[in-house]
PDB file of N, CA and C in Angstrom:
ATOM      1  N   UNK A   1     -90.185   4.106 -40.070  1.00  0.00           N
ATOM      2  CA  UNK A   1     -89.456   4.206 -38.817  1.00  0.00           C
ATOM      3  C   UNK A   1     -90.447   4.052 -37.676  1.00  0.00           C
ATOM      4  N   UNK A   2     -90.099   3.243 -36.698  1.00  0.00           N
ATOM      5  CA  UNK A   2     -91.004   3.022 -35.565  1.00  0.00           C
ATOM      6  C   UNK A   2     -91.034   4.250 -34.658  1.00  0.00           C
ATOM      7  N   UNK A   3     -92.050   4.293 -33.795  1.00  0.00           N
ATOM      8  CA  UNK A   3     -92.167   5.413 -32.857  1.00  0.00           C
ATOM      9  C   UNK A   3     -90.938   5.525 -31.962  1.00  0.00           C
ATOM     10  N   UNK A   4     -90.475   4.377 -31.456  1.00  0.00           N
ATOM     11  CA  UNK A   4     -89.307   4.384 -30.573  1.00  0.00           C
ATOM     12  C   UNK A   4     -88.072   4.886 -31.318  1.00  0.00           C
ATOM     13  N   UNK A   5     -87.895   4.444 -32.554  1.00  0.00           N
ATOM     14  CA  UNK A   5     -86.747   4.886 -33.345  1.00  0.00           C
ATOM     15  C   UNK A   5     -86.819   6.379 -33.618  1.00  0.00           C
ATOM     16  N   UNK A   6     -88.013   6.868 -33.933  1.00  0.00           N
ATOM     17  CA  UNK A   6     -88.180   8.304 -34.201  1.00  0.00           C
ATOM     18  C   UNK A   6     -87.926   9.116 -32.937  1.00  0.00           C
ATOM     19  N   UNK A   7     -88.439   8.615 -31.801  1.00  0.00           N
ATOM     20  CA  UNK A   7     -88.231   9.306 -30.524  1.00  0.00           C
ATOM     21  C   UNK A   7     -86.741   9.361 -30.198  1.00  0.00           C
ATOM     22  N   UNK A   8     -86.047   8.231 -30.382  1.00  0.00           N
ATOM     23  CA  UNK A   8     -84.610   8.191 -30.121  1.00  0.00           C
ATOM     24  C   UNK A   8     -83.868   9.152 -31.041  1.00  0.00           C
ATOM     25  N   UNK A   9     -84.259   9.182 -32.311  1.00  0.00           N
ATOM     26  CA  UNK A   9     -83.619  10.100 -33.257  1.00  0.00           C
ATOM     27  C   UNK A   9     -83.827  11.552 -32.826  1.00  0.00           C
ATOM     28  N   UNK A  10     -85.033  11.874 -32.347  1.00  0.00           N
ATOM     29  CA  UNK A  10     -85.308  13.234 -31.868  1.00  0.00           C
ATOM     30  C   UNK A  10     -84.467  13.573 -30.647  1.00  0.00           C
ATOM     31  N   UNK A  11     -84.327  12.605 -29.735  1.00  0.00           N
ATOM     32  CA  UNK A  11     -83.527  12.826 -28.528  1.00  0.00           C
ATOM     33  C   UNK A  11     -82.068  13.072 -28.906  1.00  0.00           C
ATOM     34  N   UNK A  12     -81.516  12.240 -29.777  1.00  0.00           N
ATOM     35  CA  UNK A  12     -80.118  12.406 -30.182  1.00  0.00           C
ATOM     36  C   UNK A  12     -79.919  13.702 -30.957  1.00  0.00           C
ATOM     37  N   UNK A  13     -80.887  14.095 -31.740  1.00  0.00           N
ATOM     38  CA  UNK A  13     -80.806  15.358 -32.463  1.00  0.00           C
ATOM     39  C   UNK A  13     -80.770  16.534 -31.483  1.00  0.00           C
ATOM     40  N   UNK A  14     -81.597  16.470 -30.446  1.00  0.00           N
ATOM     41  CA  UNK A  14     -81.620  17.517 -29.430  1.00  0.00           C
ATOM     42  C   UNK A  14     -80.293  17.595 -28.682  1.00  0.00           C
ATOM     43  N   UNK A  15     -79.750  16.440 -28.310  1.00  0.00           N
ATOM     44  CA  UNK A  15     -78.454  16.406 -27.626  1.00  0.00           C
ATOM     45  C   UNK A  15     -77.373  16.990 -28.529  1.00  0.00           C
ATOM     46  N   UNK A  16     -77.374  16.589 -29.781  1.00  0.00           N
ATOM     47  CA  UNK A  16     -76.398  17.080 -30.747  1.00  0.00           C
ATOM     48  C   UNK A  16     -76.468  18.606 -30.864  1.00  0.00           C
ATOM     49  N   UNK A  17     -77.665  19.146 -30.945  1.00  0.00           N
ATOM     50  CA  UNK A  17     -77.838  20.591 -31.055  1.00  0.00           C
ATOM     51  C   UNK A  17     -77.326  21.291 -29.808  1.00  0.00           C
ATOM     52  N   UNK A  18     -77.620  20.756 -28.629  1.00  0.00           N
ATOM     53  CA  UNK A  18     -77.165  21.368 -27.386  1.00  0.00           C
ATOM     54  C   UNK A  18     -75.652  21.354 -27.267  1.00  0.00           C
ATOM     55  N   UNK A  19     -75.029  20.268 -27.665  1.00  0.00           N
ATOM     56  CA  UNK A  19     -73.572  20.174 -27.587  1.00  0.00           C
ATOM     57  C   UNK A  19     -72.925  21.190 -28.518  1.00  0.00           C
ATOM     58  N   UNK A  20     -73.487  21.378 -29.684  1.00  0.00           N
ATOM     59  CA  UNK A  20     -72.895  22.266 -30.679  1.00  0.00           C
ATOM     60  C   UNK A  20     -73.113  23.750 -30.382  1.00  0.00           C
ATOM     61  N   UNK A  21     -73.990  24.076 -29.442  1.00  0.00           N
ATOM     62  CA  UNK A  21     -74.319  25.478 -29.232  1.00  0.00           C
ATOM     63  C   UNK A  21     -73.926  25.988 -27.853  1.00  0.00           C
ATOM     64  N   UNK A  22     -72.944  25.383 -27.239  1.00  0.00           N
ATOM     65  CA  UNK A  22     -72.472  25.842 -25.934  1.00  0.00           C
ATOM     66  C   UNK A  22     -71.090  26.463 -26.087  1.00  0.00           C
ATOM     67  N   UNK A  23     -70.911  27.583 -25.456  1.00  0.00           N
ATOM     68  CA  UNK A  23     -69.644  28.282 -25.485  1.00  0.00           C
ATOM     69  C   UNK A  23     -69.247  28.628 -24.060  1.00  0.00           C
ATOM     70  N   UNK A  24     -67.978  28.751 -23.841  1.00  0.00           N
ATOM     71  CA  UNK A  24     -67.489  29.098 -22.514  1.00  0.00           C
ATOM     72  C   UNK A  24     -66.542  30.273 -22.659  1.00  0.00           C
ATOM     73  N   UNK A  25     -66.738  31.268 -21.820  1.00  0.00           N
ATOM     74  CA  UNK A  25     -65.889  32.445 -21.794  1.00  0.00           C
ATOM     75  C   UNK A  25     -65.118  32.425 -20.482  1.00  0.00           C
ATOM     76  N   UNK A  26     -63.804  32.547 -20.569  1.00  0.00           N
ATOM     77  CA  UNK A  26     -62.966  32.521 -19.379  1.00  0.00           C
ATOM     78  C   UNK A  26     -62.221  33.842 -19.294  1.00  0.00           C
ATOM     79  N   UNK A  27     -62.129  34.374 -18.097  1.00  0.00           N
ATOM     80  CA  UNK A  27     -61.455  35.657 -17.872  1.00  0.00           C
ATOM     81  C   UNK A  27     -60.286  35.447 -16.917  1.00  0.00           C
ATOM     82  N   UNK A  28     -59.134  35.924 -17.302  1.00  0.00           N
ATOM     83  CA  UNK A  28     -57.962  35.911 -16.442  1.00  0.00           C
ATOM     84  C   UNK A  28     -57.510  37.361 -16.288  1.00  0.00           C
ATOM     85  N   UNK A  29     -57.604  37.930 -15.087  1.00  0.00           N
ATOM     86  CA  UNK A  29     -57.244  39.337 -14.910  1.00  0.00           C
ATOM     87  C   UNK A  29     -55.746  39.563 -15.116  1.00  0.00           C
ATOM     88  N   UNK A  30     -55.416  40.743 -15.605  1.00  0.00           N
ATOM     89  CA  UNK A  30     -54.005  41.114 -15.764  1.00  0.00           C
ATOM     90  C   UNK A  30     -53.441  41.658 -14.461  1.00  0.00           C
ATOM     91  N   UNK A  31     -54.317  41.986 -13.513  1.00  0.00           N
ATOM     92  CA  UNK A  31     -53.897  42.480 -12.213  1.00  0.00           C
ATOM     93  C   UNK A  31     -53.256  41.322 -11.446  1.00  0.00           C
ATOM     94  N   UNK A  32     -51.964  41.394 -11.223  1.00  0.00           N
ATOM     95  CA  UNK A  32     -51.233  40.286 -10.609  1.00  0.00           C
ATOM     96  C   UNK A  32     -51.537  40.118  -9.122  1.00  0.00           C
ATOM     97  N   UNK A  33     -51.994  41.157  -8.459  1.00  0.00           N
ATOM     98  CA  UNK A  33     -52.274  41.014  -7.024  1.00  0.00           C
ATOM     99  C   UNK A  33     -53.606  40.287  -6.850  1.00  0.00           C
ATOM    100  N   UNK A  34     -53.561  39.089  -6.467  1.00  0.00           N
ATOM    101  CA  UNK A  34     -54.760  38.270  -6.295  1.00  0.00           C
ATOM    102  C   UNK A  34     -55.302  38.519  -4.895  1.00  0.00           C
ATOM    103  N   UNK A  35     -55.975  39.659  -4.760  1.00  0.00           N
ATOM    104  CA  UNK A  35     -56.445  40.094  -3.443  1.00  0.00           C
ATOM    105  C   UNK A  35     -57.888  39.703  -3.154  1.00  0.00           C
ATOM    106  N   UNK A  36     -58.504  38.945  -4.030  1.00  0.00           N
ATOM    107  CA  UNK A  36     -59.864  38.479  -3.788  1.00  0.00           C
ATOM    108  C   UNK A  36     -60.946  39.486  -4.117  1.00  0.00           C
ATOM    109  N   UNK A  37     -60.573  40.662  -4.640  1.00  0.00           N
ATOM    110  CA  UNK A  37     -61.600  41.644  -4.986  1.00  0.00           C
ATOM    111  C   UNK A  37     -62.282  41.243  -6.286  1.00  0.00           C
ATOM    112  N   UNK A  38     -63.538  41.628  -6.397  1.00  0.00           N
ATOM    113  CA  UNK A  38     -64.306  41.332  -7.609  1.00  0.00           C
ATOM    114  C   UNK A  38     -64.021  42.380  -8.671  1.00  0.00           C
ATOM    115  N   UNK A  39     -64.067  41.962  -9.899  1.00  0.00           N
ATOM    116  CA  UNK A  39     -63.924  42.867 -11.033  1.00  0.00           C
ATOM    117  C   UNK A  39     -65.215  42.816 -11.823  1.00  0.00           C
ATOM    118  N   UNK A  40     -65.601  43.953 -12.347  1.00  0.00           N
ATOM    119  CA  UNK A  40     -66.834  44.014 -13.127  1.00  0.00           C
ATOM    120  C   UNK A  40     -66.531  43.623 -14.571  1.00  0.00           C
ATOM    121  N   UNK A  41     -67.360  42.750 -15.082  1.00  0.00           N
ATOM    122  CA  UNK A  41     -67.265  42.338 -16.481  1.00  0.00           C
ATOM    123  C   UNK A  41     -68.602  42.606 -17.141  1.00  0.00           C
ATOM    124  N   UNK A  42     -68.542  42.977 -18.394  1.00  0.00           N
ATOM    125  CA  UNK A  42     -69.767  43.162 -19.163  1.00  0.00           C
ATOM    126  C   UNK A  42     -69.629  42.338 -20.433  1.00  0.00           C
ATOM    127  N   UNK A  43     -70.541  41.430 -20.627  1.00  0.00           N
ATOM    128  CA  UNK A  43     -70.539  40.578 -21.816  1.00  0.00           C
ATOM    129  C   UNK A  43     -71.802  40.889 -22.599  1.00  0.00           C
ATOM    130  N   UNK A  44     -71.625  41.227 -23.848  1.00  0.00           N
ATOM    131  CA  UNK A  44     -72.769  41.524 -24.713  1.00  0.00           C
ATOM    132  C   UNK A  44     -72.762  40.557 -25.891  1.00  0.00           C
ATOM    133  N   UNK A  45     -73.925  39.993 -26.190  1.00  0.00           N
ATOM    134  CA  UNK A  45     -74.069  39.153 -27.374  1.00  0.00           C
ATOM    135  C   UNK A  45     -74.581  40.051 -28.495  1.00  0.00           C
ATOM    136  N   UNK A  46     -73.735  40.241 -29.508  1.00  0.00           N
ATOM    137  CA  UNK A  46     -74.075  41.141 -30.609  1.00  0.00           C
ATOM    138  C   UNK A  46     -73.841  40.447 -31.942  1.00  0.00           C
ATOM    139  N   UNK A  47     -74.508  40.958 -32.971  1.00  0.00           N
ATOM    140  CA  UNK A  47     -74.315  40.411 -34.311  1.00  0.00           C
ATOM    141  C   UNK A  47     -73.119  41.095 -34.983  1.00  0.00           C
ATOM    142  N   UNK A  48     -72.923  40.828 -36.270  1.00  0.00           N
ATOM    143  CA  UNK A  48     -71.783  41.384 -37.009  1.00  0.00           C
ATOM    144  C   UNK A  48     -71.801  42.900 -37.086  1.00  0.00           C
ATOM    145  N   UNK A  49     -72.978  43.499 -36.928  1.00  0.00           N
ATOM    146  CA  UNK A  49     -73.107  44.950 -37.011  1.00  0.00           C
ATOM    147  C   UNK A  49     -73.130  45.613 -35.636  1.00  0.00           C
ATOM    148  N   UNK A  50     -72.920  44.830 -34.585  1.00  0.00           N
ATOM    149  CA  UNK A  50     -72.903  45.375 -33.240  1.00  0.00           C
ATOM    150  C   UNK A  50     -74.277  45.537 -32.607  1.00  0.00           C
ATOM    151  N   UNK A  51     -75.302  45.013 -33.259  1.00  0.00           N
ATOM    152  CA  UNK A  51     -76.662  45.096 -32.725  1.00  0.00           C
ATOM    153  C   UNK A  51     -76.908  43.916 -31.781  1.00  0.00           C
ATOM    154  N   UNK A  52     -77.856  44.053 -30.840  1.00  0.00           N
ATOM    155  CA  UNK A  52     -78.155  42.927 -29.940  1.00  0.00           C
ATOM    156  C   UNK A  52     -78.454  41.657 -30.741  1.00  0.00           C
ATOM    157  N   UNK A  53     -77.941  40.549 -30.273  1.00  0.00           N
ATOM    158  CA  UNK A  53     -78.072  39.287 -30.985  1.00  0.00           C
ATOM    159  C   UNK A  53     -79.478  38.724 -30.853  1.00  0.00           C
ATOM    160  N   UNK A  54     -80.079  38.382 -31.976  1.00  0.00           N
ATOM    161  CA  UNK A  54     -81.375  37.713 -32.024  1.00  0.00           C
ATOM    162  C   UNK A  54     -81.158  36.418 -32.793  1.00  0.00           C
ATOM    163  N   UNK A  55     -81.446  35.314 -32.150  1.00  0.00           N
ATOM    164  CA  UNK A  55     -81.236  34.007 -32.761  1.00  0.00           C
ATOM    165  C   UNK A  55     -82.585  33.448 -33.186  1.00  0.00           C
ATOM    166  N   UNK A  56     -82.629  32.865 -34.400  1.00  0.00           N
ATOM    167  CA  UNK A  56     -83.878  32.283 -34.889  1.00  0.00           C
ATOM    168  C   UNK A  56     -83.610  30.951 -35.572  1.00  0.00           C
ATOM    169  N   UNK A  57     -84.652  30.136 -35.623  1.00  0.00           N
ATOM    170  CA  UNK A  57     -84.514  28.830 -36.256  1.00  0.00           C
ATOM    171  C   UNK A  57     -84.715  28.957 -37.759  1.00  0.00           C
ATOM    172  N   UNK A  58     -84.717  27.805 -38.432  1.00  0.00           N
ATOM    173  CA  UNK A  58     -84.845  27.826 -39.895  1.00  0.00           C
ATOM    174  C   UNK A  58     -86.198  28.333 -40.377  1.00  0.00           C
ATOM    175  N   UNK A  59     -87.187  28.380 -39.480  1.00  0.00           N
ATOM    176  CA  UNK A  59     -88.504  28.921 -39.833  1.00  0.00           C
ATOM    177  C   UNK A  59     -88.652  30.373 -39.366  1.00  0.00           C
ATOM    178  N   UNK A  60     -87.538  30.980 -38.973  1.00  0.00           N
ATOM    179  CA  UNK A  60     -87.465  32.375 -38.523  1.00  0.00           C
ATOM    180  C   UNK A  60     -88.204  32.629 -37.219  1.00  0.00           C
ATOM    181  N   UNK A  61     -88.375  31.588 -36.426  1.00  0.00           N
ATOM    182  CA  UNK A  61     -88.965  31.765 -35.097  1.00  0.00           C
ATOM    183  C   UNK A  61     -87.836  32.058 -34.116  1.00  0.00           C
ATOM    184  N   UNK A  62     -88.041  33.006 -33.194  1.00  0.00           N
ATOM    185  CA  UNK A  62     -86.979  33.341 -32.235  1.00  0.00           C
ATOM    186  C   UNK A  62     -86.605  32.139 -31.374  1.00  0.00           C
ATOM    187  N   UNK A  63     -85.321  31.967 -31.152  1.00  0.00           N
ATOM    188  CA  UNK A  63     -84.814  30.934 -30.261  1.00  0.00           C
ATOM    189  C   UNK A  63     -84.328  31.592 -28.979  1.00  0.00           C
ATOM    190  N   UNK A  64     -84.588  30.952 -27.877  1.00  0.00           N
ATOM    191  CA  UNK A  64     -84.132  31.481 -26.600  1.00  0.00           C
ATOM    192  C   UNK A  64     -82.729  30.969 -26.316  1.00  0.00           C
ATOM    193  N   UNK A  65     -81.967  31.780 -25.626  1.00  0.00           N
ATOM    194  CA  UNK A  65     -80.655  31.350 -25.194  1.00  0.00           C
ATOM    195  C   UNK A  65     -80.512  31.655 -23.717  1.00  0.00           C
ATOM    196  N   UNK A  66     -79.542  31.033 -23.108  1.00  0.00           N
ATOM    197  CA  UNK A  66     -79.345  31.171 -21.672  1.00  0.00           C
ATOM    198  C   UNK A  66     -77.882  31.500 -21.413  1.00  0.00           C
ATOM    199  N   UNK A  67     -77.661  32.471 -20.555  1.00  0.00           N
ATOM    200  CA  UNK A  67     -76.314  32.832 -20.146  1.00  0.00           C
ATOM    201  C   UNK A  67     -76.166  32.425 -18.687  1.00  0.00           C
ATOM    202  N   UNK A  68     -75.148  31.646 -18.401  1.00  0.00           N
ATOM    203  CA  UNK A  68     -74.907  31.201 -17.029  1.00  0.00           C
ATOM    204  C   UNK A  68     -73.619  31.858 -16.553  1.00  0.00           C
ATOM    205  N   UNK A  69     -73.711  32.637 -15.493  1.00  0.00           N
ATOM    206  CA  UNK A  69     -72.539  33.307 -14.933  1.00  0.00           C
ATOM    207  C   UNK A  69     -72.199  32.666 -13.602  1.00  0.00           C
ATOM    208  N   UNK A  70     -70.929  32.363 -13.412  1.00  0.00           N
ATOM    209  CA  UNK A  70     -70.515  31.727 -12.170  1.00  0.00           C
ATOM    210  C   UNK A  70     -69.153  32.260 -11.764  1.00  0.00           C
ATOM    211  N   UNK A  71     -68.908  32.280 -10.492  1.00  0.00           N
ATOM    212  CA  UNK A  71     -67.591  32.617  -9.968  1.00  0.00           C
ATOM    213  C   UNK A  71     -67.125  31.451  -9.117  1.00  0.00           C
ATOM    214  N   UNK A  72     -65.884  31.477  -8.745  1.00  0.00           N
ATOM    215  CA  UNK A  72     -65.346  30.389  -7.937  1.00  0.00           C
ATOM    216  C   UNK A  72     -65.926  30.387  -6.532  1.00  0.00           C
ATOM    217  N   UNK A  73     -66.432  31.540  -6.080  1.00  0.00           N
ATOM    218  CA  UNK A  73     -66.908  31.627  -4.702  1.00  0.00           C
ATOM    219  C   UNK A  73     -68.401  31.873  -4.586  1.00  0.00           C
ATOM    220  N   UNK A  74     -69.094  32.027  -5.701  1.00  0.00           N
ATOM    221  CA  UNK A  74     -70.524  32.328  -5.661  1.00  0.00           C
ATOM    222  C   UNK A  74     -71.282  31.326  -6.518  1.00  0.00           C
ATOM    223  N   UNK A  75     -72.552  31.056  -6.184  1.00  0.00           N
ATOM    224  CA  UNK A  75     -73.336  30.138  -7.012  1.00  0.00           C
ATOM    225  C   UNK A  75     -73.627  30.733  -8.385  1.00  0.00           C
ATOM    226  N   UNK A  76     -73.940  29.880  -9.330  1.00  0.00           N
ATOM    227  CA  UNK A  76     -74.260  30.325 -10.687  1.00  0.00           C
ATOM    228  C   UNK A  76     -75.491  31.212 -10.691  1.00  0.00           C
ATOM    229  N   UNK A  77     -75.468  32.174 -11.606  1.00  0.00           N
ATOM    230  CA  UNK A  77     -76.634  32.999 -11.853  1.00  0.00           C
ATOM    231  C   UNK A  77     -77.035  32.802 -13.302  1.00  0.00           C
ATOM    232  N   UNK A  78     -78.324  32.753 -13.568  1.00  0.00           N
ATOM    233  CA  UNK A  78     -78.798  32.487 -14.924  1.00  0.00           C
ATOM    234  C   UNK A  78     -79.619  33.649 -15.458  1.00  0.00           C
ATOM    235  N   UNK A  79     -79.415  33.925 -16.749  1.00  0.00           N
ATOM    236  CA  UNK A  79     -80.226  34.912 -17.453  1.00  0.00           C
ATOM    237  C   UNK A  79     -80.762  34.233 -18.696  1.00  0.00           C
ATOM    238  N   UNK A  80     -82.025  34.467 -18.985  1.00  0.00           N
ATOM    239  CA  UNK A  80     -82.647  33.893 -20.180  1.00  0.00           C
ATOM    240  C   UNK A  80     -82.999  35.017 -21.134  1.00  0.00           C
ATOM    241  N   UNK A  81     -83.024  34.689 -22.416  1.00  0.00           N
ATOM    242  CA  UNK A  81     -83.417  35.669 -23.429  1.00  0.00           C
ATOM    243  C   UNK A  81     -84.911  35.803 -23.452  1.00  0.00           C
TER     244      UNK A  81
END
Protein backbone atom coordinates (compact mmCIF):
# COMPACT_ATOMS: atom_id res chain seq x y z
CA UNK A 1 0.00 0.00 0.00
CA UNK A 2 1.39 3.40 -0.92
CA UNK A 3 1.93 6.16 1.63
CA UNK A 4 -0.95 8.19 0.21
CA UNK A 5 -3.28 5.18 0.31
CA UNK A 6 -2.29 4.39 3.90
CA UNK A 7 -2.73 8.04 4.92
CA UNK A 8 -6.17 8.13 3.29
CA UNK A 9 -7.13 4.87 5.01
CA UNK A 10 -6.05 6.35 8.37
CA UNK A 11 -8.06 9.52 7.73
CA UNK A 12 -11.20 7.56 6.80
CA UNK A 13 -10.74 5.30 9.81
CA UNK A 14 -10.54 8.35 12.08
CA UNK A 15 -13.66 9.87 10.53
CA UNK A 16 -15.49 6.56 10.88
CA UNK A 17 -14.55 6.32 14.56
CA UNK A 18 -15.68 9.89 15.25
CA UNK A 19 -19.02 9.38 13.55
CA UNK A 20 -19.70 6.20 15.50
CA UNK A 21 -18.90 7.71 18.89
CA UNK A 22 -21.08 10.81 19.00
CA UNK A 23 -24.27 10.94 21.01
CA UNK A 24 -26.79 13.69 21.52
CA UNK A 25 -28.92 14.19 24.60
CA UNK A 26 -32.04 16.32 24.26
CA UNK A 27 -34.12 17.61 27.15
CA UNK A 28 -37.73 18.71 26.91
CA UNK A 29 -39.08 20.10 30.20
CA UNK A 30 -42.45 18.91 31.48
CA UNK A 31 -43.09 22.41 32.84
CA UNK A 32 -45.55 23.80 30.29
CA UNK A 33 -44.97 27.45 31.18
CA UNK A 34 -42.19 28.46 28.84
CA UNK A 35 -41.07 31.42 30.91
CA UNK A 36 -37.43 31.43 29.80
CA UNK A 37 -36.07 30.33 33.18
CA UNK A 38 -33.11 27.98 33.25
CA UNK A 39 -33.38 24.51 34.69
CA UNK A 40 -30.48 22.67 36.24
CA UNK A 41 -29.50 19.40 34.62
CA UNK A 42 -26.90 16.95 35.79
CA UNK A 43 -25.51 14.43 33.33
CA UNK A 44 -23.18 11.74 34.57
CA UNK A 45 -21.30 9.26 32.40
CA UNK A 46 -21.28 6.00 34.34
CA UNK A 47 -20.58 2.35 33.63
CA UNK A 48 -22.96 -0.59 34.21
CA UNK A 49 -22.18 -0.54 37.93
CA UNK A 50 -22.80 3.18 38.34
CA UNK A 51 -19.10 4.05 38.62
CA UNK A 52 -17.58 7.01 36.71
CA UNK A 53 -17.04 6.03 33.09
CA UNK A 54 -13.46 5.33 32.01
CA UNK A 55 -12.99 4.66 28.32
CA UNK A 56 -9.93 2.83 26.99
CA UNK A 57 -8.68 1.59 23.65
CA UNK A 58 -7.86 -1.98 22.69
CA UNK A 59 -4.42 -1.60 24.30
CA UNK A 60 -6.07 -0.46 27.58
CA UNK A 61 -4.83 3.10 27.21
CA UNK A 62 -7.28 5.73 28.50
CA UNK A 63 -9.26 7.55 25.82
CA UNK A 64 -10.35 11.12 26.28
CA UNK A 65 -13.89 12.20 25.65
CA UNK A 66 -15.49 15.58 25.31
CA UNK A 67 -18.86 16.79 26.52
CA UNK A 68 -20.31 19.79 24.72
CA UNK A 69 -23.14 21.62 26.47
CA UNK A 70 -25.17 24.21 24.63
CA UNK A 71 -28.39 26.11 25.10
CA UNK A 72 -30.47 27.97 22.58
CA UNK A 73 -29.42 31.31 24.05
CA UNK A 74 -25.86 30.68 25.27
CA UNK A 75 -22.65 29.64 23.50
CA UNK A 76 -21.42 26.06 23.80
CA UNK A 77 -19.36 25.07 26.78
CA UNK A 78 -16.86 22.22 26.57
CA UNK A 79 -15.56 19.79 29.16
CA UNK A 80 -12.77 17.32 28.49
CA UNK A 81 -11.97 14.12 30.34
